[in-house]
C-alpha atoms as a PDB file:
ATOM      1  CA  UNK A   1    -117.511  26.141 -87.227  1.00  0.00           C
ATOM      2  CA  UNK A   2    -116.040  22.646 -87.428  1.00  0.00           C
ATOM      3  CA  UNK A   3    -114.578  21.132 -90.612  1.00  0.00           C
ATOM      4  CA  UNK A   4    -113.683  17.476 -91.178  1.00  0.00           C
ATOM      5  CA  UNK A   5    -111.616  15.935 -94.021  1.00  0.00           C
ATOM      6  CA  UNK A   6    -112.695  14.456 -97.326  1.00  0.00           C
ATOM      7  CA  UNK A   7    -114.409  11.047 -96.897  1.00  0.00           C
ATOM      8  CA  UNK A   8    -114.218  11.520 -93.121  1.00  0.00           C
ATOM      9  CA  UNK A   9    -117.076   9.066 -92.478  1.00  0.00           C
ATOM     10  CA  UNK A  10    -115.688   6.170 -94.510  1.00  0.00           C
ATOM     11  CA  UNK A  11    -111.995   6.637 -95.200  1.00  0.00           C
ATOM     12  CA  UNK A  12    -110.558   7.411 -98.625  1.00  0.00           C
ATOM     13  CA  UNK A  13    -108.858   4.312-100.069  1.00  0.00           C
ATOM     14  CA  UNK A  14    -110.655   1.949-102.430  1.00  0.00           C
ATOM     15  CA  UNK A  15    -110.320  -1.829-102.507  1.00  0.00           C
ATOM     16  CA  UNK A  16    -107.451  -3.234-104.531  1.00  0.00           C
ATOM     17  CA  UNK A  17    -109.705  -5.876-106.071  1.00  0.00           C
ATOM     18  CA  UNK A  18    -111.324  -5.304-109.458  1.00  0.00           C
ATOM     19  CA  UNK A  19    -114.976  -5.208-108.449  1.00  0.00           C
ATOM     20  CA  UNK A  20    -118.039  -3.446-109.923  1.00  0.00           C
ATOM     21  CA  UNK A  21    -118.562   0.142-108.781  1.00  0.00           C
ATOM     22  CA  UNK A  22    -121.732  -0.698-106.845  1.00  0.00           C
ATOM     23  CA  UNK A  23    -119.776  -3.204-104.739  1.00  0.00           C
ATOM     24  CA  UNK A  24    -117.034  -0.794-103.742  1.00  0.00           C
ATOM     25  CA  UNK A  25    -116.903   0.387-100.153  1.00  0.00           C
ATOM     26  CA  UNK A  26    -117.888   3.992-100.822  1.00  0.00           C
ATOM     27  CA  UNK A  27    -120.934   2.941-102.819  1.00  0.00           C
ATOM     28  CA  UNK A  28    -122.010   0.409-100.205  1.00  0.00           C
ATOM     29  CA  UNK A  29    -121.721   2.991 -97.408  1.00  0.00           C
ATOM     30  CA  UNK A  30    -123.102   5.970 -99.330  1.00  0.00           C
ATOM     31  CA  UNK A  31    -126.120   7.759 -97.877  1.00  0.00           C
ATOM     32  CA  UNK A  32    -128.466  10.363 -99.210  1.00  0.00           C
ATOM     33  CA  UNK A  33    -128.156  13.906 -97.887  1.00  0.00           C
ATOM     34  CA  UNK A  34    -130.509  14.129 -95.945  1.00  0.00           C
ATOM     35  CA  UNK A  35    -129.879  10.737 -94.310  1.00  0.00           C
ATOM     36  CA  UNK A  36    -128.979   9.013 -91.055  1.00  0.00           C
ATOM     37  CA  UNK A  37    -125.491  10.533 -90.818  1.00  0.00           C
ATOM     38  CA  UNK A  38    -126.575  14.093 -91.518  1.00  0.00           C
ATOM     39  CA  UNK A  39    -129.541  13.743 -89.155  1.00  0.00           C
ATOM     40  CA  UNK A  40    -127.199  12.880 -86.280  1.00  0.00           C
ATOM     41  CA  UNK A  41    -124.659  15.596 -87.074  1.00  0.00           C
ATOM     42  CA  UNK A  42    -127.410  18.182 -87.532  1.00  0.00           C
ATOM     43  CA  UNK A  43    -128.739  17.375 -84.043  1.00  0.00           C
ATOM     44  CA  UNK A  44    -125.338  18.254 -82.615  1.00  0.00           C
ATOM     45  CA  UNK A  45    -125.016  21.343 -84.815  1.00  0.00           C
ATOM     46  CA  UNK A  46    -128.343  22.603 -83.453  1.00  0.00           C
ATOM     47  CA  UNK A  47    -127.399  21.742 -79.871  1.00  0.00           C
ATOM     48  CA  UNK A  48    -124.094  23.605 -79.998  1.00  0.00           C
ATOM     49  CA  UNK A  49    -125.247  26.379 -82.369  1.00  0.00           C
ATOM     50  CA  UNK A  50    -122.517  25.758 -84.918  1.00  0.00           C
ATOM     51  CA  UNK A  51    -121.758  24.802 -88.505  1.00  0.00           C
ATOM     52  CA  UNK A  52    -120.263  21.385 -89.344  1.00  0.00           C
ATOM     53  CA  UNK A  53    -118.783  20.373 -92.706  1.00  0.00           C
ATOM     54  CA  UNK A  54    -117.748  16.748 -93.209  1.00  0.00           C
ATOM     55  CA  UNK A  55    -116.771  14.507 -96.117  1.00  0.00           C
ATOM     56  CA  UNK A  56    -118.871  11.473 -97.037  1.00  0.00           C
ATOM     57  CA  UNK A  57    -120.022   9.502-100.080  1.00  0.00           C
ATOM     58  CA  UNK A  58    -123.442  10.852-101.073  1.00  0.00           C
ATOM     59  CA  UNK A  59    -126.058   8.783-102.881  1.00  0.00           C
ATOM     60  CA  UNK A  60    -128.204  10.810-105.267  1.00  0.00           C
ATOM     61  CA  UNK A  61    -131.744  10.844-103.877  1.00  0.00           C
ATOM     62  CA  UNK A  62    -133.232  11.110-107.384  1.00  0.00           C
ATOM     63  CA  UNK A  63    -130.909   8.613-109.094  1.00  0.00           C
ATOM     64  CA  UNK A  64    -129.668   6.019-106.557  1.00  0.00           C
ATOM     65  CA  UNK A  65    -127.187   4.634-109.069  1.00  0.00           C
ATOM     66  CA  UNK A  66    -125.143   7.830-108.740  1.00  0.00           C
ATOM     67  CA  UNK A  67    -122.732   8.376-105.851  1.00  0.00           C
ATOM     68  CA  UNK A  68    -120.726  11.545-105.258  1.00  0.00           C
ATOM     69  CA  UNK A  69    -117.588  12.339-103.310  1.00  0.00           C
ATOM     70  CA  UNK A  70    -119.315  14.976-101.200  1.00  0.00           C
ATOM     71  CA  UNK A  71    -119.087  17.210 -98.157  1.00  0.00           C
ATOM     72  CA  UNK A  72    -122.279  17.631 -96.147  1.00  0.00           C
ATOM     73  CA  UNK A  73    -122.983  20.937 -94.419  1.00  0.00           C
ATOM     74  CA  UNK A  74    -125.103  21.196 -91.262  1.00  0.00           C
ATOM     75  CA  UNK A  75    -125.895  24.392 -89.390  1.00  0.00           C
ATOM     76  CA  UNK A  76    -127.690  25.734 -86.320  1.00  0.00           C
ATOM     77  CA  UNK A  77    -131.007  25.487 -88.167  1.00  0.00           C
ATOM     78  CA  UNK A  78    -130.442  22.023 -89.620  1.00  0.00           C
ATOM     79  CA  UNK A  79    -129.236  20.597 -92.918  1.00  0.00           C
ATOM     80  CA  UNK A  80    -127.898  23.150 -95.417  1.00  0.00           C
ATOM     81  CA  UNK A  81    -126.808  20.975 -98.332  1.00  0.00           C
ATOM     82  CA  UNK A  82    -123.815  19.258 -99.883  1.00  0.00           C
ATOM     83  CA  UNK A  83    -120.773  20.105-101.949  1.00  0.00           C
ATOM     84  CA  UNK A  84    -120.154  17.491-104.650  1.00  0.00           C
ATOM     85  CA  UNK A  85    -116.582  17.149-105.877  1.00  0.00           C
ATOM     86  CA  UNK A  86    -116.324  18.435-109.444  1.00  0.00           C
ATOM     87  CA  UNK A  87    -113.108  16.757-110.631  1.00  0.00           C
ATOM     88  CA  UNK A  88    -112.183  13.168-109.774  1.00  0.00           C
ATOM     89  CA  UNK A  89    -108.508  12.125-109.632  1.00  0.00           C
ATOM     90  CA  UNK A  90    -106.922   8.722-109.104  1.00  0.00           C
ATOM     91  CA  UNK A  91    -109.238   5.880-108.100  1.00  0.00           C
ATOM     92  CA  UNK A  92    -112.184   8.148-107.272  1.00  0.00           C
ATOM     93  CA  UNK A  93    -113.468   7.592-110.799  1.00  0.00           C
ATOM     94  CA  UNK A  94    -114.066   3.949-109.856  1.00  0.00           C
ATOM     95  CA  UNK A  95    -116.935   4.863-107.543  1.00  0.00           C
ATOM     96  CA  UNK A  96    -117.922   8.535-107.819  1.00  0.00           C
ATOM     97  CA  UNK A  97    -119.704  10.755-110.327  1.00  0.00           C
ATOM     98  CA  UNK A  98    -118.557  14.368-110.769  1.00  0.00           C
ATOM     99  CA  UNK A  99    -120.624  17.205-109.360  1.00  0.00           C
ATOM    100  CA  UNK A 100    -121.885  20.088-111.443  1.00  0.00           C
ATOM    101  CA  UNK A 101    -121.479  23.407-109.592  1.00  0.00           C
ATOM    102  CA  UNK A 102    -119.381  25.124-106.899  1.00  0.00           C
ATOM    103  CA  UNK A 103    -121.004  25.233-103.472  1.00  0.00           C
ATOM    104  CA  UNK A 104    -121.560  28.183-101.128  1.00  0.00           C
ATOM    105  CA  UNK A 105    -123.833  28.624 -98.127  1.00  0.00           C
ATOM    106  CA  UNK A 106    -125.055  31.676 -96.261  1.00  0.00           C
ATOM    107  CA  UNK A 107    -124.089  32.515 -92.677  1.00  0.00           C
ATOM    108  CA  UNK A 108    -124.394  35.604 -90.443  1.00  0.00           C
ATOM    109  CA  UNK A 109    -120.824  36.473 -91.539  1.00  0.00           C
ATOM    110  CA  UNK A 110    -121.629  36.282 -95.243  1.00  0.00           C
ATOM    111  CA  UNK A 111    -121.318  33.421 -97.743  1.00  0.00           C
ATOM    112  CA  UNK A 112    -118.827  30.615 -97.108  1.00  0.00           C
ATOM    113  CA  UNK A 113    -117.597  28.341 -99.871  1.00  0.00           C
ATOM    114  CA  UNK A 114    -116.617  24.673 -99.811  1.00  0.00           C
ATOM    115  CA  UNK A 115    -114.565  22.541-102.171  1.00  0.00           C
ATOM    116  CA  UNK A 116    -112.863  19.167-101.953  1.00  0.00           C
ATOM    117  CA  UNK A 117    -109.123  18.530-102.339  1.00  0.00           C
ATOM    118  CA  UNK A 118    -108.212  18.352-106.052  1.00  0.00           C
ATOM    119  CA  UNK A 119    -110.873  20.950-106.848  1.00  0.00           C
ATOM    120  CA  UNK A 120    -109.191  23.385-104.448  1.00  0.00           C
ATOM    121  CA  UNK A 121    -105.576  22.905-105.510  1.00  0.00           C
ATOM    122  CA  UNK A 122    -105.774  22.535-109.283  1.00  0.00           C
ATOM    123  CA  UNK A 123    -108.798  24.581-110.367  1.00  0.00           C
ATOM    124  CA  UNK A 124    -108.393  28.171-109.105  1.00  0.00           C
ATOM    125  CA  UNK A 125    -111.572  29.208-110.904  1.00  0.00           C
ATOM    126  CA  UNK A 126    -113.543  27.697-108.002  1.00  0.00           C
ATOM    127  CA  UNK A 127    -112.136  29.900-105.248  1.00  0.00           C
ATOM    128  CA  UNK A 128    -112.150  32.950-107.536  1.00  0.00           C
ATOM    129  CA  UNK A 129    -115.838  32.287-108.235  1.00  0.00           C
ATOM    130  CA  UNK A 130    -116.472  32.015-104.502  1.00  0.00           C
ATOM    131  CA  UNK A 131    -114.623  35.254-103.754  1.00  0.00           C
ATOM    132  CA  UNK A 132    -116.582  37.038-106.483  1.00  0.00           C
ATOM    133  CA  UNK A 133    -119.766  35.788-104.790  1.00  0.00           C
ATOM    134  CA  UNK A 134    -118.644  37.490-101.581  1.00  0.00           C
ATOM    135  CA  UNK A 135    -117.023  34.589 -99.692  1.00  0.00           C
ATOM    136  CA  UNK A 136    -114.262  35.603 -97.296  1.00  0.00           C
ATOM    137  CA  UNK A 137    -113.790  32.077 -95.920  1.00  0.00           C
ATOM    138  CA  UNK A 138    -113.286  28.903 -97.930  1.00  0.00           C
ATOM    139  CA  UNK A 139    -113.462  25.375 -96.487  1.00  0.00           C
ATOM    140  CA  UNK A 140    -111.194  22.760 -98.089  1.00  0.00           C
ATOM    141  CA  UNK A 141    -112.044  19.162 -97.166  1.00  0.00           C
ATOM    142  CA  UNK A 142    -109.059  17.180 -98.361  1.00  0.00           C
ATOM    143  CA  UNK A 143    -107.233  13.843 -98.412  1.00  0.00           C
ATOM    144  CA  UNK A 144    -103.575  14.293 -99.332  1.00  0.00           C
ATOM    145  CA  UNK A 145    -101.431  11.208 -98.811  1.00  0.00           C
ATOM    146  CA  UNK A 146     -97.876  10.153 -99.534  1.00  0.00           C
ATOM    147  CA  UNK A 147     -98.638   7.049-101.612  1.00  0.00           C
ATOM    148  CA  UNK A 148     -99.567   8.314-105.086  1.00  0.00           C
ATOM    149  CA  UNK A 149     -97.302  11.362-105.112  1.00  0.00           C
ATOM    150  CA  UNK A 150     -94.437  10.729-102.562  1.00  0.00           C
ATOM    151  CA  UNK A 151     -94.977  14.152-100.976  1.00  0.00           C
ATOM    152  CA  UNK A 152     -95.577  16.129-104.157  1.00  0.00           C
ATOM    153  CA  UNK A 153     -99.251  16.479-103.190  1.00  0.00           C
ATOM    154  CA  UNK A 154     -98.252  18.261 -99.995  1.00  0.00           C
ATOM    155  CA  UNK A 155     -95.848  20.548-101.854  1.00  0.00           C
ATOM    156  CA  UNK A 156     -98.545  21.439-104.389  1.00  0.00           C
ATOM    157  CA  UNK A 157    -101.101  21.830-101.610  1.00  0.00           C
ATOM    158  CA  UNK A 158     -98.981  24.358 -99.720  1.00  0.00           C
ATOM    159  CA  UNK A 159     -98.265  26.418-102.829  1.00  0.00           C
ATOM    160  CA  UNK A 160    -101.888  26.364-103.977  1.00  0.00           C
ATOM    161  CA  UNK A 161    -103.490  27.246-100.640  1.00  0.00           C
ATOM    162  CA  UNK A 162    -101.107  30.107 -99.943  1.00  0.00           C
ATOM    163  CA  UNK A 163    -101.529  31.489-103.451  1.00  0.00           C
ATOM    164  CA  UNK A 164    -105.326  31.193-103.371  1.00  0.00           C
ATOM    165  CA  UNK A 165    -105.596  32.813 -99.936  1.00  0.00           C
ATOM    166  CA  UNK A 166    -103.356  35.695-100.927  1.00  0.00           C
ATOM    167  CA  UNK A 167    -104.571  36.255-104.476  1.00  0.00           C
ATOM    168  CA  UNK A 168    -108.258  36.021-103.564  1.00  0.00           C
ATOM    169  CA  UNK A 169    -107.790  37.919-100.299  1.00  0.00           C
ATOM    170  CA  UNK A 170    -109.637  35.267 -98.293  1.00  0.00           C
ATOM    171  CA  UNK A 171    -109.208  32.795 -95.443  1.00  0.00           C
ATOM    172  CA  UNK A 172    -108.933  29.063 -96.161  1.00  0.00           C
ATOM    173  CA  UNK A 173    -109.536  26.345 -93.571  1.00  0.00           C
ATOM    174  CA  UNK A 174    -108.273  22.914 -94.657  1.00  0.00           C
ATOM    175  CA  UNK A 175    -109.036  19.614 -92.946  1.00  0.00           C
ATOM    176  CA  UNK A 176    -106.850  16.713 -94.100  1.00  0.00           C
ATOM    177  CA  UNK A 177    -106.958  13.027 -93.237  1.00  0.00           C
ATOM    178  CA  UNK A 178    -104.140  11.847 -91.000  1.00  0.00           C
ATOM    179  CA  UNK A 179    -102.490   8.455 -90.526  1.00  0.00           C
ATOM    180  CA  UNK A 180    -102.879   5.054 -92.119  1.00  0.00           C
ATOM    181  CA  UNK A 181    -105.842   4.116 -94.296  1.00  0.00           C
ATOM    182  CA  UNK A 182    -106.246   0.869 -96.253  1.00  0.00           C
ATOM    183  CA  UNK A 183    -103.130   1.394 -98.383  1.00  0.00           C
ATOM    184  CA  UNK A 184    -102.234   5.088 -98.023  1.00  0.00           C
ATOM    185  CA  UNK A 185    -100.554   7.138 -95.324  1.00  0.00           C
ATOM    186  CA  UNK A 186    -102.181  10.555 -94.983  1.00  0.00           C
ATOM    187  CA  UNK A 187     -99.956  13.445 -94.003  1.00  0.00           C
ATOM    188  CA  UNK A 188    -102.206  15.623 -91.823  1.00  0.00           C
ATOM    189  CA  UNK A 189    -101.337  19.302 -92.108  1.00  0.00           C
ATOM    190  CA  UNK A 190    -104.788  20.715 -91.397  1.00  0.00           C
ATOM    191  CA  UNK A 191    -104.622  24.492 -91.152  1.00  0.00           C
ATOM    192  CA  UNK A 192    -106.413  27.837 -91.053  1.00  0.00           C
ATOM    193  CA  UNK A 193    -104.624  30.442 -93.157  1.00  0.00           C
ATOM    194  CA  UNK A 194    -105.359  33.886 -94.504  1.00  0.00           C
ATOM    195  CA  UNK A 195    -104.047  37.407 -95.027  1.00  0.00           C
ATOM    196  CA  UNK A 196    -102.023  38.669 -92.083  1.00  0.00           C
ATOM    197  CA  UNK A 197    -103.556  41.561 -90.144  1.00  0.00           C
ATOM    198  CA  UNK A 198    -100.140  43.211 -89.718  1.00  0.00           C
ATOM    199  CA  UNK A 199     -98.034  42.404 -92.784  1.00  0.00           C
ATOM    200  CA  UNK A 200     -98.314  41.504 -96.447  1.00  0.00           C
ATOM    201  CA  UNK A 201     -98.105  37.730 -96.273  1.00  0.00           C
ATOM    202  CA  UNK A 202    -100.154  34.619 -95.674  1.00  0.00           C
ATOM    203  CA  UNK A 203    -100.367  33.788 -91.974  1.00  0.00           C
ATOM    204  CA  UNK A 204    -101.053  30.398 -90.350  1.00  0.00           C
ATOM    205  CA  UNK A 205    -103.662  31.195 -87.711  1.00  0.00           C
ATOM    206  CA  UNK A 206    -103.887  27.515 -86.824  1.00  0.00           C
ATOM    207  CA  UNK A 207    -102.158  24.304 -87.833  1.00  0.00           C
ATOM    208  CA  UNK A 208     -99.084  23.793 -89.998  1.00  0.00           C
ATOM    209  CA  UNK A 209     -98.214  23.436 -93.683  1.00  0.00           C
ATOM    210  CA  UNK A 210     -98.278  19.984 -95.217  1.00  0.00           C
ATOM    211  CA  UNK A 211     -94.988  18.097 -94.782  1.00  0.00           C
ATOM    212  CA  UNK A 212     -93.752  20.342 -91.946  1.00  0.00           C
ATOM    213  CA  UNK A 213     -92.397  18.813 -88.733  1.00  0.00           C
ATOM    214  CA  UNK A 214     -95.257  17.614 -86.539  1.00  0.00           C
ATOM    215  CA  UNK A 215     -97.950  18.213 -89.150  1.00  0.00           C
ATOM    216  CA  UNK A 216     -98.615  14.482 -89.409  1.00  0.00           C
ATOM    217  CA  UNK A 217     -99.752  14.249 -85.764  1.00  0.00           C
ATOM    218  CA  UNK A 218    -103.518  13.821 -85.339  1.00  0.00           C
ATOM    219  CA  UNK A 219    -105.266  16.688 -83.611  1.00  0.00           C
ATOM    220  CA  UNK A 220    -107.744  19.545 -83.795  1.00  0.00           C
ATOM    221  CA  UNK A 221    -106.511  22.852 -85.159  1.00  0.00           C
ATOM    222  CA  UNK A 222    -108.224  25.852 -83.591  1.00  0.00           C
ATOM    223  CA  UNK A 223    -108.231  29.531 -84.518  1.00  0.00           C
ATOM    224  CA  UNK A 224    -110.298  32.653 -84.043  1.00  0.00           C
ATOM    225  CA  UNK A 225    -110.232  34.779 -87.189  1.00  0.00           C
ATOM    226  CA  UNK A 226    -111.587  38.213 -88.033  1.00  0.00           C
ATOM    227  CA  UNK A 227    -112.939  38.120 -91.575  1.00  0.00           C
ATOM    228  CA  UNK A 228    -112.716  41.906 -91.760  1.00  0.00           C
ATOM    229  CA  UNK A 229    -108.917  41.589 -91.736  1.00  0.00           C
ATOM    230  CA  UNK A 230    -109.046  41.180 -95.499  1.00  0.00           C
ATOM    231  CA  UNK A 231    -109.457  44.980 -95.625  1.00  0.00           C
ATOM    232  CA  UNK A 232    -105.811  45.310 -94.546  1.00  0.00           C
ATOM    233  CA  UNK A 233    -104.486  43.329 -97.507  1.00  0.00           C
ATOM    234  CA  UNK A 234    -103.170  45.176-100.541  1.00  0.00           C
ATOM    235  CA  UNK A 235    -105.154  42.713-102.692  1.00  0.00           C
ATOM    236  CA  UNK A 236    -108.368  44.265-101.392  1.00  0.00           C
ATOM    237  CA  UNK A 237    -107.976  46.853-104.155  1.00  0.00           C
ATOM    238  CA  UNK A 238    -108.692  44.159-106.757  1.00  0.00           C
ATOM    239  CA  UNK A 239    -112.312  44.107-105.608  1.00  0.00           C
ATOM    240  CA  UNK A 240    -112.785  47.817-104.907  1.00  0.00           C
ATOM    241  CA  UNK A 241    -115.278  49.992-106.773  1.00  0.00           C
ATOM    242  CA  UNK A 242    -117.906  47.454-107.771  1.00  0.00           C
ATOM    243  CA  UNK A 243    -118.121  45.272-110.849  1.00  0.00           C
ATOM    244  CA  UNK A 244    -117.752  48.183-113.291  1.00  0.00           C
ATOM    245  CA  UNK A 245    -114.611  49.622-111.684  1.00  0.00           C
ATOM    246  CA  UNK A 246    -112.742  46.753-110.016  1.00  0.00           C
ATOM    247  CA  UNK A 247    -109.769  45.015-111.622  1.00  0.00           C
ATOM    248  CA  UNK A 248    -111.643  41.687-111.900  1.00  0.00           C
ATOM    249  CA  UNK A 249    -113.204  41.705-115.397  1.00  0.00           C
ATOM    250  CA  UNK A 250    -115.003  38.376-116.020  1.00  0.00           C
ATOM    251  CA  UNK A 251    -116.582  39.423-119.327  1.00  0.00           C
ATOM    252  CA  UNK A 252    -113.133  39.447-120.913  1.00  0.00           C
ATOM    253  CA  UNK A 253    -112.184  36.095-119.366  1.00  0.00           C
ATOM    254  CA  UNK A 254    -115.302  34.429-120.777  1.00  0.00           C
ATOM    255  CA  UNK A 255    -114.185  35.376-124.280  1.00  0.00           C
ATOM    256  CA  UNK A 256    -110.660  34.142-123.590  1.00  0.00           C
ATOM    257  CA  UNK A 257    -111.936  30.756-122.439  1.00  0.00           C
ATOM    258  CA  UNK A 258    -114.138  30.442-125.515  1.00  0.00           C
ATOM    259  CA  UNK A 259    -111.147  31.195-127.709  1.00  0.00           C
ATOM    260  CA  UNK A 260    -108.956  28.710-125.810  1.00  0.00           C
ATOM    261  CA  UNK A 261    -111.533  25.948-126.261  1.00  0.00           C
ATOM    262  CA  UNK A 262    -111.516  26.423-130.025  1.00  0.00           C
ATOM    263  CA  UNK A 263    -107.821  25.870-130.674  1.00  0.00           C
ATOM    264  CA  UNK A 264    -105.920  23.107-132.436  1.00  0.00           C
ATOM    265  CA  UNK A 265    -104.415  22.049-129.102  1.00  0.00           C
ATOM    266  CA  UNK A 266    -107.681  20.438-127.996  1.00  0.00           C
ATOM    267  CA  UNK A 267    -108.283  18.881-131.407  1.00  0.00           C
ATOM    268  CA  UNK A 268    -104.968  17.034-131.082  1.00  0.00           C
ATOM    269  CA  UNK A 269    -105.409  15.783-127.501  1.00  0.00           C
END
């Protein structure tokens, strides 16, 4: 399996000029999924019998006026689909529309989930949903740079990924942009992390944390992981016993969210 960063085909940064959305770079270069880019990548995925996940702007095939910040997924049997980013930070709102649902795809090793950057770090419901659907591996296509946040994005990214991997008892493979874009400098730090097979901690099977020495060097991070290692984690007990016996109780959480949505806090913001 090979994962590429967010907007890997085009780059992330938008033009500084105030131009209409349809004239922005991502909209001009957007393709439908299926399209020329996915056709070429799917040929290689078939040839090498592998899965490939890569970020690109996706044009809606039913409504061409809509463009999404997406990650296309190709597999040994061809095109699988696309993950559309659900929450849009910074200048992404100038060109992209938000997606509607989390994305998972089936493999011989069980379901694998995909999310994009901000969705992964700031909305833990997405990875918890994926884990509850049986995913033991999550792919995070990301674009963390030093311009908007002077390093805070990397600090948040490290905390979030380690917490999500440990708390959900799953592996997370992150692919981040690296080097100079139009205006931003991307910090690298691609990694493959997950529960350790020998101790109660998150282990870096490949790559390095964001902001660590050498993480900003371009390269390919490789790792062989055993998804069954999640059985050795003490958090495996959260999911034991089936939906009626395990500690994860979504029926209660649904009621809590409904109650939270109907408070004065939201009426005043």
